[in-house]
Amino acid sequence: TTVGGQLGVRGTLGAHQVPALLVAG
């Protein structure tokens, strides 16, 4: 059996990419 999940958050500021966050387990 395997269970898991992940959450990713991303964004932009004008033409620039805001640092993203990825949490997974």
PDB file of all heavy atoms in Angstrom:
ATOM      1  N   THR A   1       0.847  -1.190   0.000  1.00  0.00           N
ATOM      2  CA  THR A   1       0.000   0.000   0.000  1.00  0.00           C
ATOM      3  C   THR A   1       0.883   1.240   0.000  1.00  0.00           C
ATOM      4  O   THR A   1       1.945   1.264   0.627  1.00  0.00           O
ATOM      5  CB  THR A   1      -0.922   0.028   1.232  1.00  0.00           C
ATOM      6  OG1 THR A   1      -0.130  -0.107   2.422  1.00  0.00           O
ATOM      7  CG2 THR A   1      -1.939  -1.101   1.185  1.00  0.00           C
ATOM      8  N   THR A   2       0.431   2.249  -0.701  1.00  0.00           N
ATOM      9  CA  THR A   2       1.154   3.521  -0.775  1.00  0.00           C
ATOM     10  C   THR A   2       0.147   4.656  -0.672  1.00  0.00           C
ATOM     11  O   THR A   2      -0.884   4.635  -1.356  1.00  0.00           O
ATOM     12  CB  THR A   2       1.930   3.653  -2.092  1.00  0.00           C
ATOM     13  OG1 THR A   2       2.806   2.544  -2.255  1.00  0.00           O
ATOM     14  CG2 THR A   2       2.746   4.943  -2.123  1.00  0.00           C
ATOM     15  N   VAL A   3       0.419   5.635   0.173  1.00  0.00           N
ATOM     16  CA  VAL A   3      -0.388   6.847   0.251  1.00  0.00           C
ATOM     17  C   VAL A   3       0.567   8.038   0.272  1.00  0.00           C
ATOM     18  O   VAL A   3       1.677   7.951   0.784  1.00  0.00           O
ATOM     19  CB  VAL A   3      -1.299   6.865   1.490  1.00  0.00           C
ATOM     20  CG1 VAL A   3      -2.364   5.789   1.408  1.00  0.00           C
ATOM     21  CG2 VAL A   3      -0.491   6.717   2.768  1.00  0.00           C
ATOM     22  N   GLY A   4       0.104   9.127  -0.288  1.00  0.00           N
ATOM     23  CA  GLY A   4       0.960  10.310  -0.316  1.00  0.00           C
ATOM     24  C   GLY A   4       0.212  11.518  -0.837  1.00  0.00           C
ATOM     25  O   GLY A   4      -0.973  11.458  -1.182  1.00  0.00           O
ATOM     26  N   GLY A   5       0.911  12.614  -0.882  1.00  0.00           N
ATOM     27  CA  GLY A   5       0.316  13.844  -1.379  1.00  0.00           C
ATOM     28  C   GLY A   5       1.366  14.907  -1.582  1.00  0.00           C
ATOM     29  O   GLY A   5       2.526  14.748  -1.189  1.00  0.00           O
ATOM     30  N   GLN A   6       0.950  15.974  -2.238  1.00  0.00           N
ATOM     31  CA  GLN A   6       1.866  17.095  -2.429  1.00  0.00           C
ATOM     32  C   GLN A   6       1.076  18.391  -2.610  1.00  0.00           C
ATOM     33  O   GLN A   6      -0.087  18.389  -3.006  1.00  0.00           O
ATOM     34  CB  GLN A   6       2.781  16.874  -3.641  1.00  0.00           C
ATOM     35  CG  GLN A   6       2.100  16.903  -4.986  1.00  0.00           C
ATOM     36  CD  GLN A   6       3.109  16.751  -6.116  1.00  0.00           C
ATOM     37  OE1 GLN A   6       4.074  16.009  -6.005  1.00  0.00           O
ATOM     38  NE2 GLN A   6       2.876  17.454  -7.209  1.00  0.00           N
ATOM     39  N   LEU A   7       1.754  19.486  -2.292  1.00  0.00           N
ATOM     40  CA  LEU A   7       1.182  20.819  -2.432  1.00  0.00           C
ATOM     41  C   LEU A   7       2.218  21.712  -3.087  1.00  0.00           C
ATOM     42  O   LEU A   7       3.371  21.769  -2.639  1.00  0.00           O
ATOM     43  CB  LEU A   7       0.787  21.385  -1.062  1.00  0.00           C
ATOM     44  CG  LEU A   7       0.377  22.857  -1.040  1.00  0.00           C
ATOM     45  CD1 LEU A   7      -0.915  23.063  -1.815  1.00  0.00           C
ATOM     46  CD2 LEU A   7       0.234  23.363   0.404  1.00  0.00           C
ATOM     47  N   GLY A   8       1.806  22.391  -4.128  1.00  0.00           N
ATOM     48  CA  GLY A   8       2.694  23.325  -4.822  1.00  0.00           C
ATOM     49  C   GLY A   8       2.056  24.699  -4.902  1.00  0.00           C
ATOM     50  O   GLY A   8       0.871  24.829  -5.217  1.00  0.00           O
ATOM     51  N   VAL A   9       2.832  25.731  -4.586  1.00  0.00           N
ATOM     52  CA  VAL A   9       2.359  27.118  -4.649  1.00  0.00           C
ATOM     53  C   VAL A   9       3.333  27.905  -5.512  1.00  0.00           C
ATOM     54  O   VAL A   9       4.555  27.769  -5.369  1.00  0.00           O
ATOM     55  CB  VAL A   9       2.267  27.742  -3.237  1.00  0.00           C
ATOM     56  CG1 VAL A   9       1.773  29.178  -3.325  1.00  0.00           C
ATOM     57  CG2 VAL A   9       1.349  26.917  -2.346  1.00  0.00           C
ATOM     58  N   ARG A  10       2.807  28.728  -6.394  1.00  0.00           N
ATOM     59  CA  ARG A  10       3.657  29.496  -7.302  1.00  0.00           C
ATOM     60  C   ARG A  10       3.019  30.864  -7.539  1.00  0.00           C
ATOM     61  O   ARG A  10       1.836  31.063  -7.261  1.00  0.00           O
ATOM     62  CB  ARG A  10       3.808  28.759  -8.637  1.00  0.00           C
ATOM     63  CG  ARG A  10       2.496  28.610  -9.364  1.00  0.00           C
ATOM     64  CD  ARG A  10       2.508  27.537 -10.444  1.00  0.00           C
ATOM     65  NE  ARG A  10       1.251  27.502 -11.175  1.00  0.00           N
ATOM     66  CZ  ARG A  10       0.144  26.959 -10.733  1.00  0.00           C
ATOM     67  NH1 ARG A  10       0.113  26.418  -9.527  1.00  0.00           N
ATOM     68  NH2 ARG A  10      -0.958  26.977 -11.456  1.00  0.00           N
ATOM     69  N   GLY A  11       3.807  31.789  -8.043  1.00  0.00           N
ATOM     70  CA  GLY A  11       3.281  33.116  -8.320  1.00  0.00           C
ATOM     71  C   GLY A  11       4.235  33.923  -9.175  1.00  0.00           C
ATOM     72  O   GLY A  11       5.355  33.486  -9.475  1.00  0.00           O
ATOM     73  N   THR A  12       3.791  35.085  -9.587  1.00  0.00           N
ATOM     74  CA  THR A  12       4.615  35.978 -10.410  1.00  0.00           C
ATOM     75  C   THR A  12       4.499  37.403  -9.886  1.00  0.00           C
ATOM     76  O   THR A  12       3.513  37.775  -9.248  1.00  0.00           O
ATOM     77  CB  THR A  12       4.177  35.951 -11.888  1.00  0.00           C
ATOM     78  OG1 THR A  12       2.817  36.372 -11.983  1.00  0.00           O
ATOM     79  CG2 THR A  12       4.335  34.559 -12.482  1.00  0.00           C
ATOM     80  N   LEU A  13       5.513  38.173 -10.180  1.00  0.00           N
ATOM     81  CA  LEU A  13       5.541  39.598  -9.856  1.00  0.00           C
ATOM     82  C   LEU A  13       5.936  40.306 -11.131  1.00  0.00           C
ATOM     83  O   LEU A  13       7.113  40.378 -11.479  1.00  0.00           O
ATOM     84  CB  LEU A  13       6.520  39.886  -8.722  1.00  0.00           C
ATOM     85  CG  LEU A  13       6.613  41.352  -8.270  1.00  0.00           C
ATOM     86  CD1 LEU A  13       5.247  41.833  -7.783  1.00  0.00           C
ATOM     87  CD2 LEU A  13       7.659  41.507  -7.168  1.00  0.00           C
ATOM     88  N   GLY A  14       4.934  40.804 -11.854  1.00  0.00           N
ATOM     89  CA  GLY A  14       5.211  41.370 -13.166  1.00  0.00           C
ATOM     90  C   GLY A  14       5.709  40.278 -14.101  1.00  0.00           C
ATOM     91  O   GLY A  14       5.065  39.249 -14.290  1.00  0.00           O
ATOM     92  N   ALA A  15       6.892  40.518 -14.667  1.00  0.00           N
ATOM     93  CA  ALA A  15       7.475  39.533 -15.581  1.00  0.00           C
ATOM     94  C   ALA A  15       8.395  38.563 -14.856  1.00  0.00           C
ATOM     95  O   ALA A  15       9.067  37.754 -15.490  1.00  0.00           O
ATOM     96  CB  ALA A  15       8.243  40.243 -16.688  1.00  0.00           C
ATOM     97  N   HIS A  16       8.442  38.632 -13.529  1.00  0.00           N
ATOM     98  CA  HIS A  16       9.373  37.816 -12.755  1.00  0.00           C
ATOM     99  C   HIS A  16       8.641  36.703 -12.016  1.00  0.00           C
ATOM    100  O   HIS A  16       7.535  36.897 -11.506  1.00  0.00           O
ATOM    101  CB  HIS A  16      10.142  38.693 -11.754  1.00  0.00           C
ATOM    102  CG  HIS A  16      10.873  39.819 -12.396  1.00  0.00           C
ATOM    103  ND1 HIS A  16      12.073  39.657 -13.058  1.00  0.00           N
ATOM    104  CD2 HIS A  16      10.558  41.145 -12.509  1.00  0.00           C
ATOM    105  CE1 HIS A  16      12.474  40.810 -13.540  1.00  0.00           C
ATOM    106  NE2 HIS A  16      11.577  41.735 -13.214  1.00  0.00           N
ATOM    107  N   GLN A  17       9.292  35.572 -11.943  1.00  0.00           N
ATOM    108  CA  GLN A  17       8.732  34.429 -11.228  1.00  0.00           C
ATOM    109  C   GLN A  17       9.020  34.537  -9.737  1.00  0.00           C
ATOM    110  O   GLN A  17      10.171  34.700  -9.332  1.00  0.00           O
ATOM    111  CB  GLN A  17       9.348  33.125 -11.766  1.00  0.00           C
ATOM    112  CG  GLN A  17       8.830  31.867 -11.108  1.00  0.00           C
ATOM    113  CD  GLN A  17       7.431  31.505 -11.585  1.00  0.00           C
ATOM    114  OE1 GLN A  17       7.075  31.745 -12.711  1.00  0.00           O
ATOM    115  NE2 GLN A  17       6.638  30.925 -10.694  1.00  0.00           N
ATOM    116  N   VAL A  18       7.969  34.485  -8.919  1.00  0.00           N
ATOM    117  CA  VAL A  18       8.160  34.469  -7.474  1.00  0.00           C
ATOM    118  C   VAL A  18       8.614  33.067  -7.072  1.00  0.00           C
ATOM    119  O   VAL A  18       8.124  32.073  -7.608  1.00  0.00           O
ATOM    120  CB  VAL A  18       6.842  34.829  -6.754  1.00  0.00           C
ATOM    121  CG1 VAL A  18       7.002  34.714  -5.237  1.00  0.00           C
ATOM    122  CG2 VAL A  18       6.415  36.235  -7.143  1.00  0.00           C
ATOM    123  N   PRO A  19       9.579  32.939  -6.162  1.00  0.00           N
ATOM    124  CA  PRO A  19      10.007  31.597  -5.739  1.00  0.00           C
ATOM    125  C   PRO A  19       8.813  30.728  -5.355  1.00  0.00           C
ATOM    126  O   PRO A  19       7.895  31.166  -4.666  1.00  0.00           O
ATOM    127  CB  PRO A  19      10.902  31.881  -4.525  1.00  0.00           C
ATOM    128  CG  PRO A  19      11.447  33.242  -4.801  1.00  0.00           C
ATOM    129  CD  PRO A  19      10.344  33.990  -5.500  1.00  0.00           C
ATOM    130  N   ALA A  20       8.818  29.493  -5.835  1.00  0.00           N
ATOM    131  CA  ALA A  20       7.706  28.570  -5.609  1.00  0.00           C
ATOM    132  C   ALA A  20       7.997  27.664  -4.426  1.00  0.00           C
ATOM    133  O   ALA A  20       9.143  27.500  -4.005  1.00  0.00           O
ATOM    134  CB  ALA A  20       7.467  27.747  -6.871  1.00  0.00           C
ATOM    135  N   LEU A  21       6.937  27.061  -3.899  1.00  0.00           N
ATOM    136  CA  LEU A  21       7.050  26.149  -2.769  1.00  0.00           C
ATOM    137  C   LEU A  21       6.425  24.819  -3.142  1.00  0.00           C
ATOM    138  O   LEU A  21       5.308  24.775  -3.667  1.00  0.00           O
ATOM    139  CB  LEU A  21       6.329  26.727  -1.541  1.00  0.00           C
ATOM    140  CG  LEU A  21       6.196  25.779  -0.336  1.00  0.00           C
ATOM    141  CD1 LEU A  21       7.567  25.519   0.285  1.00  0.00           C
ATOM    142  CD2 LEU A  21       5.230  26.361   0.693  1.00  0.00           C
ATOM    143  N   LEU A  22       7.146  23.735  -2.879  1.00  0.00           N
ATOM    144  CA  LEU A  22       6.630  22.384  -3.117  1.00  0.00           C
ATOM    145  C   LEU A  22       6.868  21.543  -1.869  1.00  0.00           C
ATOM    146  O   LEU A  22       8.004  21.412  -1.402  1.00  0.00           O
ATOM    147  CB  LEU A  22       7.326  21.729  -4.314  1.00  0.00           C
ATOM    148  CG  LEU A  22       6.966  20.259  -4.560  1.00  0.00           C
ATOM    149  CD1 LEU A  22       5.491  20.118  -4.902  1.00  0.00           C
ATOM    150  CD2 LEU A  22       7.836  19.664  -5.658  1.00  0.00           C
ATOM    151  N   VAL A  23       5.790  20.993  -1.332  1.00  0.00           N
ATOM    152  CA  VAL A  23       5.859  20.100  -0.179  1.00  0.00           C
ATOM    153  C   VAL A  23       5.231  18.779  -0.580  1.00  0.00           C
ATOM    154  O   VAL A  23       4.099  18.762  -1.086  1.00  0.00           O
ATOM    155  CB  VAL A  23       5.122  20.693   1.041  1.00  0.00           C
ATOM    156  CG1 VAL A  23       5.200  19.733   2.227  1.00  0.00           C
ATOM    157  CG2 VAL A  23       5.713  22.042   1.413  1.00  0.00           C
ATOM    158  N   ALA A  24       5.951  17.675  -0.384  1.00  0.00           N
ATOM    159  CA  ALA A  24       5.451  16.367  -0.796  1.00  0.00           C
ATOM    160  C   ALA A  24       5.875  15.308   0.208  1.00  0.00           C
ATOM    161  O   ALA A  24       6.912  15.429   0.868  1.00  0.00           O
ATOM    162  CB  ALA A  24       5.972  16.000  -2.191  1.00  0.00           C
ATOM    163  N   GLY A  25       5.067  14.284   0.326  1.00  0.00           N
ATOM    164  CA  GLY A  25       5.398  13.197   1.228  1.00  0.00           C
ATOM    165  C   GLY A  25       4.610  11.953   0.874  1.00  0.00           C
ATOM    166  O   GLY A  25       3.587  12.014   0.191  1.00  0.00           O
TER     167      GLY A  25
END
